[in-house]
Amino acid sequence: MPKDLSKDTHVWRVFMAPHVIVSGLSHLRNGFVFFFLIII
């Protein structure tokens, strides 16, 4: 049972990874734009 659960968790992690990366990059870009506007 724990084996199946860990396998499902791994699949879920792999499935969620792109979404987390895209979200992080979007957040980073927004922060960079904000920082850029403050400097200018």
C-alpha atoms as a PDB file:
ATOM      1  CA  MET A   1       0.000   0.000   0.000  1.00  0.00           C
ATOM      2  CA  PRO A   2       2.681   2.613   0.885  1.00  0.00           C
ATOM      3  CA  LYS A   3       4.483   1.656  -2.329  1.00  0.00           C
ATOM      4  CA  ASP A   4       1.453   2.565  -4.439  1.00  0.00           C
ATOM      5  CA  LEU A   5       0.960   5.754  -2.431  1.00  0.00           C
ATOM      6  CA  SER A   6       4.575   6.861  -2.934  1.00  0.00           C
ATOM      7  CA  LYS A   7       4.291   6.021  -6.641  1.00  0.00           C
ATOM      8  CA  ASP A   8       1.144   8.133  -6.943  1.00  0.00           C
ATOM      9  CA  THR A   9       2.863  10.945  -5.038  1.00  0.00           C
ATOM     10  CA  HIS A  10       5.815  10.797  -7.439  1.00  0.00           C
ATOM     11  CA  VAL A  11       3.502  10.926 -10.460  1.00  0.00           C
ATOM     12  CA  TRP A  12       1.640  13.864  -8.873  1.00  0.00           C
ATOM     13  CA  ARG A  13       4.972  15.627  -8.208  1.00  0.00           C
ATOM     14  CA  VAL A  14       6.095  15.167 -11.813  1.00  0.00           C
ATOM     15  CA  PHE A  15       2.685  16.374 -13.022  1.00  0.00           C
ATOM     16  CA  MET A  16       2.768  19.460 -10.782  1.00  0.00           C
ATOM     17  CA  ALA A  17       6.428  20.387 -11.406  1.00  0.00           C
ATOM     18  CA  PRO A  18       5.838  22.349 -14.662  1.00  0.00           C
ATOM     19  CA  HIS A  19       2.991  24.314 -13.048  1.00  0.00           C
ATOM     20  CA  VAL A  20       5.171  25.178 -10.037  1.00  0.00           C
ATOM     21  CA  ILE A  21       8.072  26.221 -12.299  1.00  0.00           C
ATOM     22  CA  VAL A  22       5.826  28.395 -14.495  1.00  0.00           C
ATOM     23  CA  SER A  23       4.257  29.967 -11.401  1.00  0.00           C
ATOM     24  CA  GLY A  24       7.698  30.669  -9.936  1.00  0.00           C
ATOM     25  CA  LEU A  25       8.978  32.205 -13.177  1.00  0.00           C
ATOM     26  CA  SER A  26       5.868  34.358 -13.490  1.00  0.00           C
ATOM     27  CA  HIS A  27       6.292  35.554  -9.895  1.00  0.00           C
ATOM     28  CA  LEU A  28       9.991  36.224 -10.503  1.00  0.00           C
ATOM     29  CA  ARG A  29       9.215  38.192 -13.674  1.00  0.00           C
ATOM     30  CA  ASN A  30       6.625  40.307 -11.861  1.00  0.00           C
ATOM     31  CA  GLY A  31       9.139  41.018  -9.098  1.00  0.00           C
ATOM     32  CA  PHE A  32      11.790  41.954 -11.681  1.00  0.00           C
ATOM     33  CA  VAL A  33       9.390  44.357 -13.449  1.00  0.00           C
ATOM     34  CA  PHE A  34       8.497  45.928 -10.086  1.00  0.00           C
ATOM     35  CA  PHE A  35      12.190  46.273  -9.211  1.00  0.00           C
ATOM     36  CA  PHE A  36      12.904  47.750 -12.667  1.00  0.00           C
ATOM     37  CA  LEU A  37      10.139  50.348 -12.251  1.00  0.00           C
ATOM     38  CA  ILE A  38      11.484  51.347  -8.826  1.00  0.00           C
ATOM     39  CA  ILE A  39      14.986  51.906 -10.250  1.00  0.00           C
ATOM     40  CA  ILE A  40      13.665  54.015 -13.104  1.00  0.00           C
END
